[in-house]
C-alpha atoms as a PDB file:
ATOM      1  CA  UNK A   1     -20.374  17.234  11.003  1.00  0.00           C
ATOM      2  CA  UNK A   2     -22.290  16.018   7.947  1.00  0.00           C
ATOM      3  CA  UNK A   3     -22.754  19.481   6.436  1.00  0.00           C
ATOM      4  CA  UNK A   4     -19.089  20.412   6.651  1.00  0.00           C
ATOM      5  CA  UNK A   5     -17.675  17.053   5.573  1.00  0.00           C
ATOM      6  CA  UNK A   6     -15.983  17.144   2.193  1.00  0.00           C
ATOM      7  CA  UNK A   7     -15.807  13.652   0.678  1.00  0.00           C
ATOM      8  CA  UNK A   8     -14.858  12.619  -2.843  1.00  0.00           C
ATOM      9  CA  UNK A   9     -14.367   9.201  -4.357  1.00  0.00           C
ATOM     10  CA  UNK A  10     -12.042   9.239  -7.383  1.00  0.00           C
ATOM     11  CA  UNK A  11     -11.607   6.275  -9.715  1.00  0.00           C
ATOM     12  CA  UNK A  12      -8.079   5.840 -11.080  1.00  0.00           C
ATOM     13  CA  UNK A  13      -8.165   5.439 -14.846  1.00  0.00           C
ATOM     14  CA  UNK A  14     -11.270   7.619 -15.130  1.00  0.00           C
ATOM     15  CA  UNK A  15     -11.331  10.584 -12.740  1.00  0.00           C
ATOM     16  CA  UNK A  16      -7.531  10.672 -12.509  1.00  0.00           C
ATOM     17  CA  UNK A  17      -4.884   8.950 -14.610  1.00  0.00           C
ATOM     18  CA  UNK A  18      -7.240   8.509 -17.547  1.00  0.00           C
ATOM     19  CA  UNK A  19      -4.399   7.702 -19.919  1.00  0.00           C
ATOM     20  CA  UNK A  20      -2.772   5.135 -17.625  1.00  0.00           C
ATOM     21  CA  UNK A  21      -3.619   1.638 -18.829  1.00  0.00           C
ATOM     22  CA  UNK A  22      -2.542   0.034 -15.547  1.00  0.00           C
ATOM     23  CA  UNK A  23      -4.787   2.404 -13.605  1.00  0.00           C
ATOM     24  CA  UNK A  24      -7.694   1.496 -15.861  1.00  0.00           C
ATOM     25  CA  UNK A  25      -6.983  -2.181 -15.274  1.00  0.00           C
ATOM     26  CA  UNK A  26      -6.526  -1.980 -11.500  1.00  0.00           C
ATOM     27  CA  UNK A  27      -9.576   0.291 -10.896  1.00  0.00           C
ATOM     28  CA  UNK A  28      -8.285   1.702  -7.607  1.00  0.00           C
ATOM     29  CA  UNK A  29     -10.209   4.301  -5.676  1.00  0.00           C
ATOM     30  CA  UNK A  30      -8.558   7.396  -4.235  1.00  0.00           C
ATOM     31  CA  UNK A  31     -10.473   9.365  -1.600  1.00  0.00           C
ATOM     32  CA  UNK A  32     -10.420  12.973  -0.476  1.00  0.00           C
ATOM     33  CA  UNK A  33     -11.745  13.625   3.049  1.00  0.00           C
ATOM     34  CA  UNK A  34     -11.879  17.169   4.315  1.00  0.00           C
ATOM     35  CA  UNK A  35     -13.470  19.954   6.303  1.00  0.00           C
ATOM     36  CA  UNK A  36     -15.294  22.476   4.097  1.00  0.00           C
ATOM     37  CA  UNK A  37     -15.151  25.225   6.704  1.00  0.00           C
ATOM     38  CA  UNK A  38     -11.471  24.841   7.559  1.00  0.00           C
ATOM     39  CA  UNK A  39     -10.649  24.119   3.887  1.00  0.00           C
ATOM     40  CA  UNK A  40      -8.355  21.270   4.862  1.00  0.00           C
ATOM     41  CA  UNK A  41      -8.249  17.851   3.201  1.00  0.00           C
ATOM     42  CA  UNK A  42      -6.533  14.462   3.529  1.00  0.00           C
ATOM     43  CA  UNK A  43      -5.992  12.111   0.612  1.00  0.00           C
ATOM     44  CA  UNK A  44      -6.457   8.360   1.010  1.00  0.00           C
ATOM     45  CA  UNK A  45      -4.179   6.119  -1.066  1.00  0.00           C
ATOM     46  CA  UNK A  46      -2.845   8.607  -3.633  1.00  0.00           C
ATOM     47  CA  UNK A  47      -1.564   6.686  -6.647  1.00  0.00           C
ATOM     48  CA  UNK A  48      -1.173   6.794 -10.440  1.00  0.00           C
ATOM     49  CA  UNK A  49      -1.748  10.530 -11.015  1.00  0.00           C
ATOM     50  CA  UNK A  50      -0.440  12.820  -8.279  1.00  0.00           C
ATOM     51  CA  UNK A  51      -0.812  15.962 -10.401  1.00  0.00           C
ATOM     52  CA  UNK A  52      -4.422  15.081 -11.180  1.00  0.00           C
ATOM     53  CA  UNK A  53      -5.219  14.580  -7.505  1.00  0.00           C
ATOM     54  CA  UNK A  54      -3.612  17.891  -6.557  1.00  0.00           C
ATOM     55  CA  UNK A  55      -5.456  19.666  -9.369  1.00  0.00           C
ATOM     56  CA  UNK A  56      -8.757  18.572  -7.810  1.00  0.00           C
ATOM     57  CA  UNK A  57      -7.617  19.697  -4.350  1.00  0.00           C
ATOM     58  CA  UNK A  58      -6.586  23.090  -5.723  1.00  0.00           C
ATOM     59  CA  UNK A  59      -9.721  23.508  -7.848  1.00  0.00           C
ATOM     60  CA  UNK A  60     -11.835  23.001  -4.733  1.00  0.00           C
ATOM     61  CA  UNK A  61      -9.751  25.634  -2.875  1.00  0.00           C
ATOM     62  CA  UNK A  62      -8.514  23.190  -0.246  1.00  0.00           C
ATOM     63  CA  UNK A  63      -5.178  22.752   1.523  1.00  0.00           C
ATOM     64  CA  UNK A  64      -3.744  19.253   1.609  1.00  0.00           C
ATOM     65  CA  UNK A  65      -2.674  18.446   5.172  1.00  0.00           C
ATOM     66  CA  UNK A  66      -1.794  14.756   5.010  1.00  0.00           C
ATOM     67  CA  UNK A  67      -2.043  11.285   3.514  1.00  0.00           C
ATOM     68  CA  UNK A  68      -3.954   8.314   4.910  1.00  0.00           C
ATOM     69  CA  UNK A  69      -2.524   4.987   3.731  1.00  0.00           C
ATOM     70  CA  UNK A  70      -4.745   1.918   3.964  1.00  0.00           C
ATOM     71  CA  UNK A  71      -1.753  -0.377   3.316  1.00  0.00           C
ATOM     72  CA  UNK A  72       1.602  -0.511   1.599  1.00  0.00           C
ATOM     73  CA  UNK A  73       0.814  -2.121  -1.765  1.00  0.00           C
ATOM     74  CA  UNK A  74       2.052  -0.032  -4.734  1.00  0.00           C
ATOM     75  CA  UNK A  75      -1.347   0.249  -6.421  1.00  0.00           C
ATOM     76  CA  UNK A  76      -2.433   2.244  -3.352  1.00  0.00           C
ATOM     77  CA  UNK A  77       0.556   4.377  -2.419  1.00  0.00           C
ATOM     78  CA  UNK A  78       2.972   4.000  -5.327  1.00  0.00           C
ATOM     79  CA  UNK A  79       6.124   2.025  -6.009  1.00  0.00           C
ATOM     80  CA  UNK A  80       7.136  -0.766  -8.367  1.00  0.00           C
ATOM     81  CA  UNK A  81       4.659  -3.515  -9.249  1.00  0.00           C
ATOM     82  CA  UNK A  82       4.726  -6.105 -12.053  1.00  0.00           C
ATOM     83  CA  UNK A  83       7.423  -4.175 -13.865  1.00  0.00           C
ATOM     84  CA  UNK A  84       5.517  -0.901 -13.644  1.00  0.00           C
ATOM     85  CA  UNK A  85       6.495   2.182 -11.655  1.00  0.00           C
ATOM     86  CA  UNK A  86       3.420   3.743 -10.081  1.00  0.00           C
ATOM     87  CA  UNK A  87       3.297   7.322  -8.855  1.00  0.00           C
ATOM     88  CA  UNK A  88       2.342   7.710  -5.216  1.00  0.00           C
ATOM     89  CA  UNK A  89       3.350   9.198  -1.907  1.00  0.00           C
ATOM     90  CA  UNK A  90       6.962   9.819  -2.903  1.00  0.00           C
ATOM     91  CA  UNK A  91       5.903  12.080  -5.770  1.00  0.00           C
ATOM     92  CA  UNK A  92       3.178  13.663  -3.667  1.00  0.00           C
ATOM     93  CA  UNK A  93       5.612  14.632  -0.923  1.00  0.00           C
ATOM     94  CA  UNK A  94       7.919  16.192  -3.489  1.00  0.00           C
ATOM     95  CA  UNK A  95       5.072  18.525  -4.443  1.00  0.00           C
ATOM     96  CA  UNK A  96       3.368  18.907  -1.044  1.00  0.00           C
ATOM     97  CA  UNK A  97       5.433  17.849   2.005  1.00  0.00           C
ATOM     98  CA  UNK A  98       2.721  16.471   4.305  1.00  0.00           C
ATOM     99  CA  UNK A  99       2.717  13.631   6.862  1.00  0.00           C
ATOM    100  CA  UNK A 100       1.740  10.103   5.845  1.00  0.00           C
ATOM    101  CA  UNK A 101      -0.463   8.420   8.454  1.00  0.00           C
ATOM    102  CA  UNK A 102       0.128   4.656   8.614  1.00  0.00           C
ATOM    103  CA  UNK A 103      -0.662   1.838  10.977  1.00  0.00           C
ATOM    104  CA  UNK A 104       2.521   0.997  12.894  1.00  0.00           C
ATOM    105  CA  UNK A 105       2.855  -2.526  11.462  1.00  0.00           C
ATOM    106  CA  UNK A 106       2.838  -1.076   7.948  1.00  0.00           C
ATOM    107  CA  UNK A 107       5.566   1.545   8.348  1.00  0.00           C
ATOM    108  CA  UNK A 108       8.485  -0.586   7.184  1.00  0.00           C
ATOM    109  CA  UNK A 109       6.610  -1.814   4.127  1.00  0.00           C
ATOM    110  CA  UNK A 110       5.655   1.724   3.152  1.00  0.00           C
ATOM    111  CA  UNK A 111       9.263   2.857   3.428  1.00  0.00           C
ATOM    112  CA  UNK A 112      10.648  -0.086   1.464  1.00  0.00           C
ATOM    113  CA  UNK A 113       8.124   0.136  -1.360  1.00  0.00           C
ATOM    114  CA  UNK A 114       8.085   3.909  -1.797  1.00  0.00           C
ATOM    115  CA  UNK A 115      11.475   5.137  -0.606  1.00  0.00           C
ATOM    116  CA  UNK A 116      10.048   7.723   1.789  1.00  0.00           C
ATOM    117  CA  UNK A 117      11.846   8.401   5.063  1.00  0.00           C
ATOM    118  CA  UNK A 118      10.774   7.372   8.557  1.00  0.00           C
ATOM    119  CA  UNK A 119      10.410  11.061   9.363  1.00  0.00           C
ATOM    120  CA  UNK A 120       7.713  11.312   6.662  1.00  0.00           C
ATOM    121  CA  UNK A 121       5.505   8.820   8.512  1.00  0.00           C
ATOM    122  CA  UNK A 122       3.214   9.177  11.504  1.00  0.00           C
ATOM    123  CA  UNK A 123       2.628   5.732  13.004  1.00  0.00           C
ATOM    124  CA  UNK A 124      -0.695   4.891  14.632  1.00  0.00           C
ATOM    125  CA  UNK A 125      -2.406   2.096  16.538  1.00  0.00           C
ATOM    126  CA  UNK A 126      -5.930   0.835  15.955  1.00  0.00           C
ATOM    127  CA  UNK A 127      -8.636   2.906  17.612  1.00  0.00           C
ATOM    128  CA  UNK A 128      -6.769   6.193  17.411  1.00  0.00           C
ATOM    129  CA  UNK A 129      -8.469   9.238  15.948  1.00  0.00           C
ATOM    130  CA  UNK A 130      -7.036  12.025  13.877  1.00  0.00           C
ATOM    131  CA  UNK A 131      -8.707  15.174  12.604  1.00  0.00           C
ATOM    132  CA  UNK A 132      -8.860  16.993   9.340  1.00  0.00           C
ATOM    133  CA  UNK A 133      -9.961  20.439  10.389  1.00  0.00           C
ATOM    134  CA  UNK A 134     -12.622  19.635  12.979  1.00  0.00           C
ATOM    135  CA  UNK A 135     -13.698  16.356  11.340  1.00  0.00           C
ATOM    136  CA  UNK A 136     -12.695  13.279  13.407  1.00  0.00           C
ATOM    137  CA  UNK A 137     -11.553  10.144  11.595  1.00  0.00           C
ATOM    138  CA  UNK A 138     -11.209   6.855  13.461  1.00  0.00           C
ATOM    139  CA  UNK A 139      -8.380   4.557  12.391  1.00  0.00           C
ATOM    140  CA  UNK A 140      -9.337   0.880  12.542  1.00  0.00           C
ATOM    141  CA  UNK A 141      -6.522  -1.677  12.430  1.00  0.00           C
ATOM    142  CA  UNK A 142      -7.807  -4.478  10.192  1.00  0.00           C
ATOM    143  CA  UNK A 143      -4.933  -6.899   9.478  1.00  0.00           C
ATOM    144  CA  UNK A 144      -5.272  -9.848   7.154  1.00  0.00           C
ATOM    145  CA  UNK A 145      -4.651  -8.512   3.665  1.00  0.00           C
ATOM    146  CA  UNK A 146      -1.441  -7.031   5.076  1.00  0.00           C
ATOM    147  CA  UNK A 147      -0.265  -6.868   8.705  1.00  0.00           C
ATOM    148  CA  UNK A 148      -0.953  -3.142   9.003  1.00  0.00           C
ATOM    149  CA  UNK A 149      -4.043  -2.703   6.869  1.00  0.00           C
ATOM    150  CA  UNK A 150      -6.350  -0.032   8.247  1.00  0.00           C
ATOM    151  CA  UNK A 151      -9.819   1.327   7.525  1.00  0.00           C
ATOM    152  CA  UNK A 152     -11.067   4.868   8.136  1.00  0.00           C
ATOM    153  CA  UNK A 153     -14.434   5.604   9.740  1.00  0.00           C
ATOM    154  CA  UNK A 154     -15.730   9.133   9.308  1.00  0.00           C
ATOM    155  CA  UNK A 155     -19.283  10.453   9.685  1.00  0.00           C
ATOM    156  CA  UNK A 156     -20.765   6.969   9.216  1.00  0.00           C
ATOM    157  CA  UNK A 157     -18.673   6.294   6.115  1.00  0.00           C
ATOM    158  CA  UNK A 158     -16.187   3.412   6.105  1.00  0.00           C
ATOM    159  CA  UNK A 159     -13.239   3.704   3.722  1.00  0.00           C
ATOM    160  CA  UNK A 160     -12.068   0.102   3.743  1.00  0.00           C
ATOM    161  CA  UNK A 161      -9.092  -0.150   1.374  1.00  0.00           C
ATOM    162  CA  UNK A 162      -8.557  -3.815   0.490  1.00  0.00           C
ATOM    163  CA  UNK A 163      -9.940  -5.159   3.766  1.00  0.00           C
ATOM    164  CA  UNK A 164     -13.485  -5.421   2.409  1.00  0.00           C
ATOM    165  CA  UNK A 165     -15.032  -4.938  -1.026  1.00  0.00           C
ATOM    166  CA  UNK A 166     -18.687  -4.881  -1.946  1.00  0.00           C
ATOM    167  CA  UNK A 167     -18.026  -8.300  -3.469  1.00  0.00           C
ATOM    168  CA  UNK A 168     -15.252 -10.276  -1.790  1.00  0.00           C
ATOM    169  CA  UNK A 169     -12.364  -9.136   0.387  1.00  0.00           C
ATOM    170  CA  UNK A 170      -8.628  -8.630   0.142  1.00  0.00           C
ATOM    171  CA  UNK A 171      -6.361 -11.521  -0.803  1.00  0.00           C
ATOM    172  CA  UNK A 172      -4.456 -13.296   1.936  1.00  0.00           C
ATOM    173  CA  UNK A 173      -2.033 -15.272  -0.241  1.00  0.00           C
ATOM    174  CA  UNK A 174       0.365 -12.347  -0.741  1.00  0.00           C
ATOM    175  CA  UNK A 175       3.353 -11.727   1.573  1.00  0.00           C
ATOM    176  CA  UNK A 176       2.065 -10.744   5.012  1.00  0.00           C
ATOM    177  CA  UNK A 177      -1.422 -12.050   4.351  1.00  0.00           C
ATOM    178  CA  UNK A 178      -3.192 -13.896   7.171  1.00  0.00           C
ATOM    179  CA  UNK A 179      -6.662 -15.415   6.576  1.00  0.00           C
ATOM    180  CA  UNK A 180      -7.340 -15.919  10.288  1.00  0.00           C
ATOM    181  CA  UNK A 181      -6.503 -12.273  11.005  1.00  0.00           C
ATOM    182  CA  UNK A 182      -8.743 -11.116   8.157  1.00  0.00           C
ATOM    183  CA  UNK A 183     -11.654 -13.151   9.508  1.00  0.00           C
ATOM    184  CA  UNK A 184     -11.195 -11.438  12.869  1.00  0.00           C
ATOM    185  CA  UNK A 185     -11.009  -8.023  11.192  1.00  0.00           C
ATOM    186  CA  UNK A 186     -14.222  -8.607   9.244  1.00  0.00           C
ATOM    187  CA  UNK A 187     -16.264 -10.151  12.032  1.00  0.00           C
ATOM    188  CA  UNK A 188     -14.869  -8.462  15.153  1.00  0.00           C
ATOM    189  CA  UNK A 189     -13.153  -5.161  14.368  1.00  0.00           C
ATOM    190  CA  UNK A 190     -15.700  -4.068  11.777  1.00  0.00           C
ATOM    191  CA  UNK A 191     -18.653  -5.408  13.780  1.00  0.00           C
ATOM    192  CA  UNK A 192     -18.785  -2.073  15.619  1.00  0.00           C
ATOM    193  CA  UNK A 193     -19.673  -0.288  12.371  1.00  0.00           C
ATOM    194  CA  UNK A 194     -23.480  -0.089  11.973  1.00  0.00           C
ATOM    195  CA  UNK A 195     -25.409  -1.500   9.044  1.00  0.00           C
ATOM    196  CA  UNK A 196     -26.435   1.962   7.832  1.00  0.00           C
ATOM    197  CA  UNK A 197     -22.809   3.047   7.372  1.00  0.00           C
ATOM    198  CA  UNK A 198     -21.719   3.403   3.744  1.00  0.00           C
ATOM    199  CA  UNK A 199     -18.871   1.168   2.614  1.00  0.00           C
ATOM    200  CA  UNK A 200     -16.324   2.704   0.251  1.00  0.00           C
ATOM    201  CA  UNK A 201     -13.864   0.031  -0.995  1.00  0.00           C
ATOM    202  CA  UNK A 202     -10.341   0.278  -2.357  1.00  0.00           C
ATOM    203  CA  UNK A 203     -11.262  -1.027  -5.832  1.00  0.00           C
ATOM    204  CA  UNK A 204     -14.266  -0.987  -8.138  1.00  0.00           C
ATOM    205  CA  UNK A 205     -14.882  -4.719  -8.035  1.00  0.00           C
ATOM    206  CA  UNK A 206     -18.678  -4.470  -8.191  1.00  0.00           C
ATOM    207  CA  UNK A 207     -21.150  -2.699 -10.493  1.00  0.00           C
ATOM    208  CA  UNK A 208     -21.682   0.081  -7.943  1.00  0.00           C
ATOM    209  CA  UNK A 209     -18.941   2.115  -6.223  1.00  0.00           C
ATOM    210  CA  UNK A 210     -20.410   1.974  -2.713  1.00  0.00           C
ATOM    211  CA  UNK A 211     -23.162   0.335  -0.669  1.00  0.00           C
ATOM    212  CA  UNK A 212     -24.464   0.188   2.871  1.00  0.00           C
ATOM    213  CA  UNK A 213     -22.551  -2.107   5.165  1.00  0.00           C
ATOM    214  CA  UNK A 214     -25.809  -3.889   5.972  1.00  0.00           C
ATOM    215  CA  UNK A 215     -26.386  -4.704   2.318  1.00  0.00           C
ATOM    216  CA  UNK A 216     -22.786  -5.840   1.991  1.00  0.00           C
ATOM    217  CA  UNK A 217     -23.087  -8.107   5.016  1.00  0.00           C
ATOM    218  CA  UNK A 218     -26.220  -9.608   3.515  1.00  0.00           C
ATOM    219  CA  UNK A 219     -24.977 -10.124  -0.044  1.00  0.00           C
ATOM    220  CA  UNK A 220     -21.193 -10.483   0.113  1.00  0.00           C
ATOM    221  CA  UNK A 221     -20.217 -14.156   0.098  1.00  0.00           C
ATOM    222  CA  UNK A 222     -17.387 -13.594   2.615  1.00  0.00           C
ATOM    223  CA  UNK A 223     -20.021 -13.261   5.334  1.00  0.00           C
ATOM    224  CA  UNK A 224     -21.735 -16.569   4.578  1.00  0.00           C
ATOM    225  CA  UNK A 225     -19.538 -18.767   6.802  1.00  0.00           C
ATOM    226  CA  UNK A 226     -20.827 -18.728  10.376  1.00  0.00           C
ATOM    227  CA  UNK A 227     -17.662 -19.849  12.138  1.00  0.00           C
ATOM    228  CA  UNK A 228     -13.951 -19.224  11.811  1.00  0.00           C
ATOM    229  CA  UNK A 229     -13.403 -22.838  10.804  1.00  0.00           C
ATOM    230  CA  UNK A 230     -15.932 -22.547   7.977  1.00  0.00           C
ATOM    231  CA  UNK A 231     -14.383 -19.282   6.843  1.00  0.00           C
ATOM    232  CA  UNK A 232     -10.889 -20.748   6.769  1.00  0.00           C
ATOM    233  CA  UNK A 233     -12.125 -23.735   4.771  1.00  0.00           C
ATOM    234  CA  UNK A 234     -13.459 -21.347   2.129  1.00  0.00           C
ATOM    235  CA  UNK A 235     -10.898 -18.550   2.143  1.00  0.00           C
ATOM    236  CA  UNK A 236      -7.759 -19.791   3.898  1.00  0.00           C
ATOM    237  CA  UNK A 237      -4.850 -20.319   1.529  1.00  0.00           C
END
């Protein structure tokens, strides 16, 4: 599938939403994952600049067939945050009515934060696979940052949202956060992903935008504790 995989990493505040000061501050990544032959594409965490995202999809002669949401926070899928109103899935659906794929535990949060309807959502469980064209994407339920956080594994690429960054991991002191669950997600759920997989995070919190998972496991301080108790002493709030 490698030859037909279409994959783009877009940095909010640079590649899209260049004039949005909040986007430049939050440094979110938006991803496009598609099938070059079928000319179909999914967008991961569309926020800040819906028109800019759709312009890229159209310029590459692709048809948008759905949204993949890593979690419900407004800087990833839109909504109100810190007094700001962020564009996201609500505005995207107004332009292109496509399904939003969410982990089941995240559905209510997505609806409350964005105002979309239940009928706009497709709820999934961890381990399910969906396809864009003929490209399979595995949905990994990785709670901890939020109850329904999910990562996407496609062609040995891991799009991790706020579950795991190149440096650090998602916060667990926000509503719905659970440090014990995040430890399990990092050390058990993601343990099936090989070291040579490329990690693509939800934010640019490191000098480089991606790295191998093996390098991340070696250098990221969240992997230094060797037991759950040690991890909770360091990262449990």
